[in-house]
Amino acid sequence: MRVTLRIAAALLVAGVVASCSASPSSESSATPFKVKVLVVTMFDGETKPWLAHEKLGRSITVPTMDKPMHCGADGLCVATIGEGKANAAISMSAILADNQLDVTTAYVLTAGVAGIRPESGTLGDSNWADWVVDYEIGGHHIAESTDRSVGCGYEKGEDEGTTAFHLDPTLVGMAYELTKNLPLADNAEAESNRAHYAGQAGRKPHVTRCDTVTADDFWIGRDASETAAYVMGQWTNNAGRYCTTQQEDNATAAVLAAHGYLNRYLSLRTASDFDQPYPGQSAHDMLTHFPGIDIAVSNSYTVASAVAHHLAHVS
């Protein structure tokens, strides 16, 4: 009886040891998913066409992110990172740190909507950025009533290292050349809204290269638009041309730059609204109505997917 018990105990211990040693081995043998192209969206509406038109059957839950990533067998992934600089930075940091993913050679492509300056473009435009500039950090916004001598109410301060990013011109040029002749969506609502702005009647969406300003603050008005253009000029030695306003791209670029991946980053922003009201339009109406949102989302997918498929194929 004692011999039988001893044998049973020995077998039990051996089983426990075998079980304990097998678990780490199986975990260490797991291969991270190879991401070739990471498309970054900010909210569900921007993500929706990717889920509808791409084969993204693999869902990956990344710690600290509210929504799972969706990936396809070809290495194309879409991540909804949230709105605002803080959410974008948290999500991008989580993605790069997740050992479920291999992003060491991945291209990253922001595909989102934005406001646009009427002088620089129109509703539905798809804009590849060469420069991504932060409206807030690195400068001082000074009310005109405090000091009228400050140009556009903005005084350039110390460079914190995340205020301005110049994206790889060869990569941006490739994206533009690949997409510049794509037909873009338009609709009657956008056409009607354009007609209220000087020089906008009859304009049609197109693909272009112009630059984007990031701010957590959602600004509207001609004065704010002029300040944004001034901020862009201050940080790019007037090389940048402000056309779109959004809330995330400096955070995304900052995280990628910290990991040495900035040279594989593209920012595409499509215009859902103008950055200032038309004559007689109230601020409330403008903040609650985005006349170009449908075509902006559609054009974002059309343009970004063409580049994403190209990069997934060549990488």
C-alpha atoms as a PDB file:
ATOM      1  CA  MET A   1       0.000   0.000   0.000  1.00  0.00           C
ATOM      2  CA  ARG A   2       2.792   2.400   0.945  1.00  0.00           C
ATOM      3  CA  VAL A   3       4.649   1.504  -2.272  1.00  0.00           C
ATOM      4  CA  THR A   4       1.525   2.219  -4.304  1.00  0.00           C
ATOM      5  CA  LEU A   5       1.072   5.559  -2.563  1.00  0.00           C
ATOM      6  CA  ARG A   6       4.703   6.457  -3.150  1.00  0.00           C
ATOM      7  CA  ILE A   7       4.403   5.651  -6.865  1.00  0.00           C
ATOM      8  CA  ALA A   8       1.202   7.673  -7.111  1.00  0.00           C
ATOM      9  CA  ALA A   9       2.812  10.592  -5.317  1.00  0.00           C
ATOM     10  CA  ALA A  10       5.851  10.419  -7.569  1.00  0.00           C
ATOM     11  CA  LEU A  11       3.679  10.394 -10.655  1.00  0.00           C
ATOM     12  CA  LEU A  12       1.673  13.332  -9.292  1.00  0.00           C
ATOM     13  CA  VAL A  13       4.820  15.356  -8.641  1.00  0.00           C
ATOM     14  CA  ALA A  14       6.179  14.493 -12.079  1.00  0.00           C
ATOM     15  CA  GLY A  15       2.923  15.595 -13.621  1.00  0.00           C
ATOM     16  CA  VAL A  16       3.036  18.913 -11.770  1.00  0.00           C
ATOM     17  CA  VAL A  17       6.634  19.502 -12.816  1.00  0.00           C
ATOM     18  CA  ALA A  18       5.839  18.609 -16.413  1.00  0.00           C
ATOM     19  CA  SER A  19       2.823  20.889 -16.353  1.00  0.00           C
ATOM     20  CA  CYS A  20       4.756  23.806 -14.850  1.00  0.00           C
ATOM     21  CA  SER A  21       7.620  23.451 -17.302  1.00  0.00           C
ATOM     22  CA  ALA A  22       5.351  23.102 -20.345  1.00  0.00           C
ATOM     23  CA  SER A  23       3.460  26.357 -19.828  1.00  0.00           C
ATOM     24  CA  PRO A  24       6.349  28.823 -20.244  1.00  0.00           C
ATOM     25  CA  SER A  25       7.625  26.834 -23.212  1.00  0.00           C
ATOM     26  CA  SER A  26       4.330  27.163 -25.078  1.00  0.00           C
ATOM     27  CA  GLU A  27       4.143  30.885 -24.313  1.00  0.00           C
ATOM     28  CA  SER A  28       7.674  31.565 -25.457  1.00  0.00           C
ATOM     29  CA  SER A  29       7.043  29.730 -28.722  1.00  0.00           C
ATOM     30  CA  ALA A  30       4.089  31.998 -29.613  1.00  0.00           C
ATOM     31  CA  THR A  31       4.973  34.141 -32.634  1.00  0.00           C
ATOM     32  CA  PRO A  32       3.899  37.817 -32.552  1.00  0.00           C
ATOM     33  CA  PHE A  33       1.609  38.919 -35.366  1.00  0.00           C
ATOM     34  CA  LYS A  34       3.665  40.662 -38.049  1.00  0.00           C
ATOM     35  CA  VAL A  35       2.092  44.067 -38.748  1.00  0.00           C
ATOM     36  CA  LYS A  36       2.995  45.444 -42.159  1.00  0.00           C
ATOM     37  CA  VAL A  37       0.696  48.470 -42.165  1.00  0.00           C
ATOM     38  CA  LEU A  38      -1.048  49.945 -39.130  1.00  0.00           C
ATOM     39  CA  VAL A  39      -3.941  52.224 -40.051  1.00  0.00           C
ATOM     40  CA  VAL A  40      -4.832  54.576 -37.212  1.00  0.00           C
ATOM     41  CA  THR A  41      -8.371  55.919 -36.844  1.00  0.00           C
ATOM     42  CA  MET A  42      -9.767  57.926 -33.959  1.00  0.00           C
ATOM     43  CA  PHE A  43     -13.429  56.969 -33.631  1.00  0.00           C
ATOM     44  CA  ASP A  44     -15.858  54.312 -34.842  1.00  0.00           C
ATOM     45  CA  GLY A  45     -17.137  56.301 -37.813  1.00  0.00           C
ATOM     46  CA  GLU A  46     -13.627  56.469 -39.281  1.00  0.00           C
ATOM     47  CA  THR A  47     -13.057  52.773 -38.602  1.00  0.00           C
ATOM     48  CA  LYS A  48     -16.355  51.567 -40.081  1.00  0.00           C
ATOM     49  CA  PRO A  49     -15.406  51.514 -43.806  1.00  0.00           C
ATOM     50  CA  TRP A  50     -12.246  49.539 -43.062  1.00  0.00           C
ATOM     51  CA  LEU A  51     -14.250  46.859 -41.285  1.00  0.00           C
ATOM     52  CA  ALA A  52     -16.818  46.844 -44.084  1.00  0.00           C
ATOM     53  CA  HIS A  53     -14.420  46.604 -47.031  1.00  0.00           C
ATOM     54  CA  GLU A  54     -11.300  44.839 -45.729  1.00  0.00           C
ATOM     55  CA  LYS A  55     -10.819  41.242 -44.610  1.00  0.00           C
ATOM     56  CA  LEU A  56      -9.769  41.912 -41.027  1.00  0.00           C
ATOM     57  CA  GLY A  57     -10.813  38.681 -39.368  1.00  0.00           C
ATOM     58  CA  ARG A  58      -8.284  38.680 -36.545  1.00  0.00           C
ATOM     59  CA  SER A  59      -9.174  40.659 -33.417  1.00  0.00           C
ATOM     60  CA  ILE A  60      -6.351  41.567 -31.019  1.00  0.00           C
ATOM     61  CA  THR A  61      -7.077  43.062 -27.603  1.00  0.00           C
ATOM     62  CA  VAL A  62      -4.323  45.472 -26.588  1.00  0.00           C
ATOM     63  CA  PRO A  63      -4.090  46.309 -22.860  1.00  0.00           C
ATOM     64  CA  THR A  64      -5.287  49.854 -21.950  1.00  0.00           C
ATOM     65  CA  MET A  65      -7.050  50.326 -25.326  1.00  0.00           C
ATOM     66  CA  ASP A  66     -10.841  50.629 -25.313  1.00  0.00           C
ATOM     67  CA  LYS A  67     -11.307  48.851 -28.638  1.00  0.00           C
ATOM     68  CA  PRO A  68      -9.565  45.828 -30.170  1.00  0.00           C
ATOM     69  CA  MET A  69      -7.328  46.051 -33.197  1.00  0.00           C
ATOM     70  CA  HIS A  70      -8.538  44.329 -36.362  1.00  0.00           C
ATOM     71  CA  CYS A  71      -5.971  42.634 -38.588  1.00  0.00           C
ATOM     72  CA  GLY A  72      -5.899  40.705 -41.846  1.00  0.00           C
ATOM     73  CA  ALA A  73      -3.702  37.885 -43.062  1.00  0.00           C
ATOM     74  CA  ASP A  74      -1.823  40.329 -45.315  1.00  0.00           C
ATOM     75  CA  GLY A  75      -0.500  42.248 -42.289  1.00  0.00           C
ATOM     76  CA  LEU A  76      -2.919  45.174 -42.540  1.00  0.00           C
ATOM     77  CA  CYS A  77      -4.266  46.246 -39.140  1.00  0.00           C
ATOM     78  CA  VAL A  78      -6.668  48.994 -38.090  1.00  0.00           C
ATOM     79  CA  ALA A  79      -6.576  50.513 -34.601  1.00  0.00           C
ATOM     80  CA  THR A  80      -9.091  52.978 -33.149  1.00  0.00           C
ATOM     81  CA  ILE A  81      -6.906  55.013 -30.791  1.00  0.00           C
ATOM     82  CA  GLY A  82      -9.388  57.532 -29.370  1.00  0.00           C
ATOM     83  CA  GLU A  83      -9.691  61.291 -29.702  1.00  0.00           C
ATOM     84  CA  GLY A  84      -7.277  63.854 -28.281  1.00  0.00           C
ATOM     85  CA  LYS A  85      -3.534  63.815 -27.697  1.00  0.00           C
ATOM     86  CA  ALA A  86      -3.627  61.929 -24.399  1.00  0.00           C
ATOM     87  CA  ASN A  87      -5.733  59.061 -25.750  1.00  0.00           C
ATOM     88  CA  ALA A  88      -3.638  58.845 -28.911  1.00  0.00           C
ATOM     89  CA  ALA A  89      -0.384  58.686 -26.948  1.00  0.00           C
ATOM     90  CA  ILE A  90      -1.708  56.025 -24.551  1.00  0.00           C
ATOM     91  CA  SER A  91      -2.985  53.846 -27.388  1.00  0.00           C
ATOM     92  CA  MET A  92       0.081  54.159 -29.594  1.00  0.00           C
ATOM     93  CA  SER A  93       2.402  53.419 -26.674  1.00  0.00           C
ATOM     94  CA  ALA A  94       0.338  50.350 -25.794  1.00  0.00           C
ATOM     95  CA  ILE A  95       0.448  49.050 -29.363  1.00  0.00           C
ATOM     96  CA  LEU A  96       4.217  49.421 -29.644  1.00  0.00           C
ATOM     97  CA  ALA A  97       4.746  47.729 -26.268  1.00  0.00           C
ATOM     98  CA  ASP A  98       2.420  44.762 -26.868  1.00  0.00           C
ATOM     99  CA  ASN A  99       4.363  41.514 -27.360  1.00  0.00           C
ATOM    100  CA  GLN A 100       1.431  40.080 -29.330  1.00  0.00           C
ATOM    101  CA  LEU A 101       2.500  42.378 -32.162  1.00  0.00           C
ATOM    102  CA  ASP A 102       5.639  42.805 -34.241  1.00  0.00           C
ATOM    103  CA  VAL A 103       5.617  46.397 -35.469  1.00  0.00           C
ATOM    104  CA  THR A 104       9.367  46.767 -35.953  1.00  0.00           C
ATOM    105  CA  THR A 105       9.044  47.271 -39.721  1.00  0.00           C
ATOM    106  CA  ALA A 106       5.429  48.436 -39.915  1.00  0.00           C
ATOM    107  CA  TYR A 107       4.263  51.555 -41.686  1.00  0.00           C
ATOM    108  CA  VAL A 108       1.800  53.667 -39.693  1.00  0.00           C
ATOM    109  CA  LEU A 109      -0.893  55.663 -41.464  1.00  0.00           C
ATOM    110  CA  THR A 110      -3.332  58.017 -39.762  1.00  0.00           C
ATOM    111  CA  ALA A 111      -6.613  58.047 -41.712  1.00  0.00           C
ATOM    112  CA  GLY A 112      -8.961  60.557 -40.128  1.00  0.00           C
ATOM    113  CA  VAL A 113     -11.200  63.550 -40.706  1.00  0.00           C
ATOM    114  CA  ALA A 114     -10.349  67.153 -39.902  1.00  0.00           C
ATOM    115  CA  GLY A 115     -11.370  70.767 -40.187  1.00  0.00           C
ATOM    116  CA  ILE A 116      -9.955  72.709 -43.127  1.00  0.00           C
ATOM    117  CA  ARG A 117      -9.055  76.329 -43.789  1.00  0.00           C
ATOM    118  CA  PRO A 118     -11.241  77.731 -46.629  1.00  0.00           C
ATOM    119  CA  GLU A 119      -8.200  79.469 -48.130  1.00  0.00           C
ATOM    120  CA  SER A 120      -6.345  76.153 -48.356  1.00  0.00           C
ATOM    121  CA  GLY A 121      -8.900  73.590 -49.514  1.00  0.00           C
ATOM    122  CA  THR A 122     -12.472  72.424 -49.544  1.00  0.00           C
ATOM    123  CA  LEU A 123     -14.817  69.890 -48.013  1.00  0.00           C
ATOM    124  CA  GLY A 124     -13.904  66.318 -48.900  1.00  0.00           C
ATOM    125  CA  ASP A 125     -10.275  67.149 -49.744  1.00  0.00           C
ATOM    126  CA  SER A 126      -7.734  64.465 -48.838  1.00  0.00           C
ATOM    127  CA  ASN A 127      -4.521  66.005 -47.542  1.00  0.00           C
ATOM    128  CA  TRP A 128      -1.150  64.320 -47.047  1.00  0.00           C
ATOM    129  CA  ALA A 129       0.892  66.234 -44.459  1.00  0.00           C
ATOM    130  CA  ASP A 130       4.589  66.995 -44.743  1.00  0.00           C
ATOM    131  CA  TRP A 131       4.503  68.857 -41.415  1.00  0.00           C
ATOM    132  CA  VAL A 132       2.636  68.027 -38.207  1.00  0.00           C
ATOM    133  CA  VAL A 133       2.707  70.948 -35.760  1.00  0.00           C
ATOM    134  CA  ASP A 134       1.313  71.297 -32.241  1.00  0.00           C
ATOM    135  CA  TYR A 135      -0.826  74.387 -31.627  1.00  0.00           C
ATOM    136  CA  GLU A 136      -0.325  74.329 -27.863  1.00  0.00           C
ATOM    137  CA  ILE A 137       2.960  72.998 -26.502  1.00  0.00           C
ATOM    138  CA  GLY A 138       6.060  75.068 -27.114  1.00  0.00           C
ATOM    139  CA  GLY A 139       4.312  78.412 -27.395  1.00  0.00           C
ATOM    140  CA  HIS A 140       2.331  81.048 -25.549  1.00  0.00           C
ATOM    141  CA  HIS A 141      -1.127  82.239 -26.622  1.00  0.00           C
ATOM    142  CA  ILE A 142      -1.605  85.821 -25.455  1.00  0.00           C
ATOM    143  CA  ALA A 143      -4.898  87.674 -25.559  1.00  0.00           C
ATOM    144  CA  GLU A 144      -4.893  90.809 -27.696  1.00  0.00           C
ATOM    145  CA  SER A 145      -6.271  92.751 -24.724  1.00  0.00           C
ATOM    146  CA  THR A 146      -3.131  91.794 -22.804  1.00  0.00           C
ATOM    147  CA  ASP A 147      -0.525  92.682 -25.420  1.00  0.00           C
ATOM    148  CA  ARG A 148      -1.415  93.875 -28.905  1.00  0.00           C
ATOM    149  CA  SER A 149       2.213  93.734 -30.061  1.00  0.00           C
ATOM    150  CA  VAL A 150       2.311  89.919 -30.141  1.00  0.00           C
ATOM    151  CA  GLY A 151       1.796  88.643 -33.693  1.00  0.00           C
ATOM    152  CA  CYS A 152      -1.480  86.704 -34.012  1.00  0.00           C
ATOM    153  CA  GLY A 153      -1.545  86.462 -30.218  1.00  0.00           C
ATOM    154  CA  TYR A 154       1.201  83.817 -30.289  1.00  0.00           C
ATOM    155  CA  GLU A 155       4.753  83.891 -28.989  1.00  0.00           C
ATOM    156  CA  LYS A 156       7.052  80.993 -29.843  1.00  0.00           C
ATOM    157  CA  GLY A 157       8.656  79.377 -26.815  1.00  0.00           C
ATOM    158  CA  GLU A 158      11.065  76.522 -26.142  1.00  0.00           C
ATOM    159  CA  ASP A 159      11.031  73.476 -28.393  1.00  0.00           C
ATOM    160  CA  GLU A 160       9.958  70.528 -26.240  1.00  0.00           C
ATOM    161  CA  GLY A 161      10.876  68.082 -28.989  1.00  0.00           C
ATOM    162  CA  THR A 162       7.292  67.250 -29.907  1.00  0.00           C
ATOM    163  CA  THR A 163       6.056  70.560 -31.302  1.00  0.00           C
ATOM    164  CA  ALA A 164       6.923  70.030 -34.969  1.00  0.00           C
ATOM    165  CA  PHE A 165       7.559  66.882 -36.970  1.00  0.00           C
ATOM    166  CA  HIS A 166       8.725  66.883 -40.575  1.00  0.00           C
ATOM    167  CA  LEU A 167       7.554  63.614 -42.096  1.00  0.00           C
ATOM    168  CA  ASP A 168       9.695  61.701 -44.561  1.00  0.00           C
ATOM    169  CA  PRO A 169       9.306  63.600 -47.870  1.00  0.00           C
ATOM    170  CA  THR A 170       9.993  60.530 -50.014  1.00  0.00           C
ATOM    171  CA  LEU A 171       7.266  58.532 -48.283  1.00  0.00           C
ATOM    172  CA  VAL A 172       4.804  61.435 -48.400  1.00  0.00           C
ATOM    173  CA  GLY A 173       5.636  61.997 -52.060  1.00  0.00           C
ATOM    174  CA  MET A 174       5.005  58.341 -52.853  1.00  0.00           C
ATOM    175  CA  ALA A 175       1.611  58.452 -51.132  1.00  0.00           C
ATOM    176  CA  TYR A 176       0.631  61.597 -52.990  1.00  0.00           C
ATOM    177  CA  GLU A 177       1.737  60.350 -56.408  1.00  0.00           C
ATOM    178  CA  LEU A 178      -0.102  57.076 -55.876  1.00  0.00           C
ATOM    179  CA  THR A 179      -3.380  58.795 -55.003  1.00  0.00           C
ATOM    180  CA  LYS A 180      -3.412  62.237 -56.629  1.00  0.00           C
ATOM    181  CA  ASN A 181      -5.720  61.215 -59.458  1.00  0.00           C
ATOM    182  CA  LEU A 182      -8.176  59.100 -57.477  1.00  0.00           C
ATOM    183  CA  PRO A 183     -11.825  60.110 -57.918  1.00  0.00           C
ATOM    184  CA  LEU A 184     -13.250  61.400 -54.649  1.00  0.00           C
ATOM    185  CA  ALA A 185     -16.790  61.424 -53.303  1.00  0.00           C
ATOM    186  CA  ASP A 186     -18.860  64.593 -53.126  1.00  0.00           C
ATOM    187  CA  ASN A 187     -22.488  65.314 -52.260  1.00  0.00           C
ATOM    188  CA  ALA A 188     -25.145  68.006 -52.347  1.00  0.00           C
ATOM    189  CA  GLU A 189     -24.785  68.902 -48.668  1.00  0.00           C
ATOM    190  CA  ALA A 190     -21.108  69.731 -49.094  1.00  0.00           C
ATOM    191  CA  GLU A 191     -21.783  71.658 -52.292  1.00  0.00           C
ATOM    192  CA  SER A 192     -24.446  73.746 -50.546  1.00  0.00           C
ATOM    193  CA  ASN A 193     -22.163  74.540 -47.611  1.00  0.00           C
ATOM    194  CA  ARG A 194     -19.245  75.538 -49.856  1.00  0.00           C
ATOM    195  CA  ALA A 195     -21.413  78.085 -51.639  1.00  0.00           C
ATOM    196  CA  HIS A 196     -21.514  80.223 -48.465  1.00  0.00           C
ATOM    197  CA  TYR A 197     -17.735  80.807 -48.570  1.00  0.00           C
ATOM    198  CA  ALA A 198     -15.890  83.170 -50.889  1.00  0.00           C
ATOM    199  CA  GLY A 199     -14.212  81.293 -53.724  1.00  0.00           C
ATOM    200  CA  GLN A 200     -15.642  77.918 -52.710  1.00  0.00           C
ATOM    201  CA  ALA A 201     -18.675  77.609 -55.003  1.00  0.00           C
ATOM    202  CA  GLY A 202     -18.158  74.899 -57.603  1.00  0.00           C
ATOM    203  CA  ARG A 203     -15.024  73.456 -56.011  1.00  0.00           C
ATOM    204  CA  LYS A 204     -14.557  69.697 -55.931  1.00  0.00           C
ATOM    205  CA  PRO A 205     -12.583  67.483 -53.538  1.00  0.00           C
ATOM    206  CA  HIS A 206      -9.106  66.466 -54.588  1.00  0.00           C
ATOM    207  CA  VAL A 207      -5.935  64.940 -53.149  1.00  0.00           C
ATOM    208  CA  THR A 208      -3.158  67.332 -52.191  1.00  0.00           C
ATOM    209  CA  ARG A 209      -0.156  67.858 -49.937  1.00  0.00           C
ATOM    210  CA  CYS A 210      -0.605  70.425 -47.184  1.00  0.00           C
ATOM    211  CA  ASP A 211       0.060  70.500 -43.482  1.00  0.00           C
ATOM    212  CA  THR A 212      -1.814  69.838 -40.272  1.00  0.00           C
ATOM    213  CA  VAL A 213      -2.038  71.470 -36.848  1.00  0.00           C
ATOM    214  CA  THR A 214      -2.807  69.427 -33.727  1.00  0.00           C
ATOM    215  CA  ALA A 215      -4.721  70.808 -30.744  1.00  0.00           C
ATOM    216  CA  ASP A 216      -6.890  69.367 -27.987  1.00  0.00           C
ATOM    217  CA  ASP A 217      -8.872  72.589 -28.253  1.00  0.00           C
ATOM    218  CA  PHE A 218     -11.503  72.556 -31.026  1.00  0.00           C
ATOM    219  CA  TRP A 219     -11.143  76.070 -32.399  1.00  0.00           C
ATOM    220  CA  ILE A 220     -13.368  77.928 -34.853  1.00  0.00           C
ATOM    221  CA  GLY A 221     -13.157  81.415 -36.344  1.00  0.00           C
ATOM    222  CA  ARG A 222     -11.021  83.409 -38.744  1.00  0.00           C
ATOM    223  CA  ASP A 223      -8.779  84.764 -35.972  1.00  0.00           C
ATOM    224  CA  ALA A 224      -8.044  81.259 -34.670  1.00  0.00           C
ATOM    225  CA  SER A 225      -7.421  80.042 -38.209  1.00  0.00           C
ATOM    226  CA  GLU A 226      -4.929  82.834 -38.832  1.00  0.00           C
ATOM    227  CA  THR A 227      -3.196  82.007 -35.551  1.00  0.00           C
ATOM    228  CA  ALA A 228      -2.904  78.350 -36.558  1.00  0.00           C
ATOM    229  CA  ALA A 229      -1.316  79.384 -39.854  1.00  0.00           C
ATOM    230  CA  TYR A 230       1.070  81.658 -37.948  1.00  0.00           C
ATOM    231  CA  VAL A 231       2.021  78.856 -35.523  1.00  0.00           C
ATOM    232  CA  MET A 232       2.731  76.581 -38.485  1.00  0.00           C
ATOM    233  CA  GLY A 233       4.973  79.209 -40.021  1.00  0.00           C
ATOM    234  CA  GLN A 234       6.846  79.834 -36.773  1.00  0.00           C
ATOM    235  CA  TRP A 235       7.774  76.172 -36.298  1.00  0.00           C
ATOM    236  CA  THR A 236       8.567  75.310 -39.925  1.00  0.00           C
ATOM    237  CA  ASN A 237      10.437  78.463 -40.919  1.00  0.00           C
ATOM    238  CA  ASN A 238       7.433  79.175 -43.157  1.00  0.00           C
ATOM    239  CA  ALA A 239       7.949  75.918 -45.059  1.00  0.00           C
ATOM    240  CA  GLY A 240       4.674  74.441 -43.798  1.00  0.00           C
ATOM    241  CA  ARG A 241       1.272  75.378 -45.201  1.00  0.00           C
ATOM    242  CA  TYR A 242      -1.550  75.022 -42.700  1.00  0.00           C
ATOM    243  CA  CYS A 243      -4.695  73.488 -44.123  1.00  0.00           C
ATOM    244  CA  THR A 244      -6.157  71.014 -41.603  1.00  0.00           C
ATOM    245  CA  THR A 245      -6.846  70.935 -37.892  1.00  0.00           C
ATOM    246  CA  GLN A 246      -7.113  67.773 -35.801  1.00  0.00           C
ATOM    247  CA  GLN A 247      -6.458  66.522 -32.263  1.00  0.00           C
ATOM    248  CA  GLU A 248      -4.065  63.560 -32.367  1.00  0.00           C
ATOM    249  CA  ASP A 249      -1.260  63.541 -34.934  1.00  0.00           C
ATOM    250  CA  ASN A 250       1.499  65.159 -32.862  1.00  0.00           C
ATOM    251  CA  ALA A 251       0.923  62.578 -30.131  1.00  0.00           C
ATOM    252  CA  THR A 252       1.042  59.732 -32.644  1.00  0.00           C
ATOM    253  CA  ALA A 253       4.180  61.146 -34.240  1.00  0.00           C
ATOM    254  CA  ALA A 254       5.842  61.745 -30.849  1.00  0.00           C
ATOM    255  CA  VAL A 255       5.417  58.109 -29.781  1.00  0.00           C
ATOM    256  CA  LEU A 256       6.677  56.826 -33.123  1.00  0.00           C
ATOM    257  CA  ALA A 257       9.652  59.203 -33.045  1.00  0.00           C
ATOM    258  CA  ALA A 258      10.581  58.024 -29.539  1.00  0.00           C
ATOM    259  CA  HIS A 259      10.830  54.466 -30.889  1.00  0.00           C
ATOM    260  CA  GLY A 260      12.687  55.427 -34.068  1.00  0.00           C
ATOM    261  CA  TYR A 261       9.712  54.798 -36.364  1.00  0.00           C
ATOM    262  CA  LEU A 262       8.858  58.335 -37.507  1.00  0.00           C
ATOM    263  CA  ASN A 263      10.291  57.748 -40.997  1.00  0.00           C
ATOM    264  CA  ARG A 264       7.502  55.212 -41.588  1.00  0.00           C
ATOM    265  CA  TYR A 265       4.624  57.502 -40.598  1.00  0.00           C
ATOM    266  CA  LEU A 266       2.014  59.100 -42.873  1.00  0.00           C
ATOM    267  CA  SER A 267      -0.757  61.500 -41.865  1.00  0.00           C
ATOM    268  CA  LEU A 268      -3.837  61.727 -44.092  1.00  0.00           C
ATOM    269  CA  ARG A 269      -6.615  64.094 -43.068  1.00  0.00           C
ATOM    270  CA  THR A 270      -9.832  64.604 -45.039  1.00  0.00           C
ATOM    271  CA  ALA A 271     -11.977  67.691 -44.611  1.00  0.00           C
ATOM    272  CA  SER A 272     -15.323  67.280 -42.854  1.00  0.00           C
ATOM    273  CA  ASP A 273     -15.875  70.977 -42.044  1.00  0.00           C
ATOM    274  CA  PHE A 274     -14.328  74.403 -42.378  1.00  0.00           C
ATOM    275  CA  ASP A 275     -12.366  75.900 -39.487  1.00  0.00           C
ATOM    276  CA  GLN A 276     -14.514  79.051 -39.459  1.00  0.00           C
ATOM    277  CA  PRO A 277     -18.218  79.812 -39.932  1.00  0.00           C
ATOM    278  CA  TYR A 278     -19.572  81.432 -43.049  1.00  0.00           C
ATOM    279  CA  PRO A 279     -21.038  84.974 -42.754  1.00  0.00           C
ATOM    280  CA  GLY A 280     -24.159  84.812 -40.629  1.00  0.00           C
ATOM    281  CA  GLN A 281     -23.574  81.276 -39.330  1.00  0.00           C
ATOM    282  CA  SER A 282     -23.558  80.846 -35.543  1.00  0.00           C
ATOM    283  CA  ALA A 283     -20.763  79.120 -33.682  1.00  0.00           C
ATOM    284  CA  HIS A 284     -23.300  76.701 -32.186  1.00  0.00           C
ATOM    285  CA  ASP A 285     -24.538  75.665 -35.619  1.00  0.00           C
ATOM    286  CA  MET A 286     -21.013  75.091 -36.825  1.00  0.00           C
ATOM    287  CA  LEU A 287     -20.045  73.008 -33.799  1.00  0.00           C
ATOM    288  CA  THR A 288     -23.056  70.733 -34.143  1.00  0.00           C
ATOM    289  CA  HIS A 289     -23.091  70.275 -37.920  1.00  0.00           C
ATOM    290  CA  PHE A 290     -20.347  68.827 -40.093  1.00  0.00           C
ATOM    291  CA  PRO A 291     -21.513  69.132 -43.699  1.00  0.00           C
ATOM    292  CA  GLY A 292     -18.621  67.159 -45.174  1.00  0.00           C
ATOM    293  CA  ILE A 293     -18.438  64.291 -42.695  1.00  0.00           C
ATOM    294  CA  ASP A 294     -19.880  61.598 -44.999  1.00  0.00           C
ATOM    295  CA  ILE A 295     -17.629  62.376 -47.936  1.00  0.00           C
ATOM    296  CA  ALA A 296     -14.630  62.924 -45.646  1.00  0.00           C
ATOM    297  CA  VAL A 297     -14.978  59.425 -44.160  1.00  0.00           C
ATOM    298  CA  SER A 298     -15.505  57.905 -47.607  1.00  0.00           C
ATOM    299  CA  ASN A 299     -12.532  59.718 -49.132  1.00  0.00           C
ATOM    300  CA  SER A 300     -10.320  58.876 -46.183  1.00  0.00           C
ATOM    301  CA  TYR A 301     -10.862  55.188 -46.834  1.00  0.00           C
ATOM    302  CA  THR A 302     -10.515  55.520 -50.614  1.00  0.00           C
ATOM    303  CA  VAL A 303      -7.193  57.332 -50.438  1.00  0.00           C
ATOM    304  CA  ALA A 304      -5.655  55.682 -47.386  1.00  0.00           C
ATOM    305  CA  SER A 305      -6.552  52.149 -48.477  1.00  0.00           C
ATOM    306  CA  ALA A 306      -4.789  52.614 -51.827  1.00  0.00           C
ATOM    307  CA  VAL A 307      -1.560  53.454 -49.997  1.00  0.00           C
ATOM    308  CA  ALA A 308      -2.086  50.836 -47.273  1.00  0.00           C
ATOM    309  CA  HIS A 309      -2.493  48.054 -49.857  1.00  0.00           C
ATOM    310  CA  HIS A 310       0.592  49.244 -51.721  1.00  0.00           C
ATOM    311  CA  LEU A 311       2.729  49.311 -48.583  1.00  0.00           C
ATOM    312  CA  ALA A 312       1.443  45.924 -47.395  1.00  0.00           C
ATOM    313  CA  HIS A 313       2.465  44.459 -50.747  1.00  0.00           C
ATOM    314  CA  VAL A 314       5.966  45.958 -50.907  1.00  0.00           C
ATOM    315  CA  SER A 315       6.924  45.538 -47.232  1.00  0.00           C
END
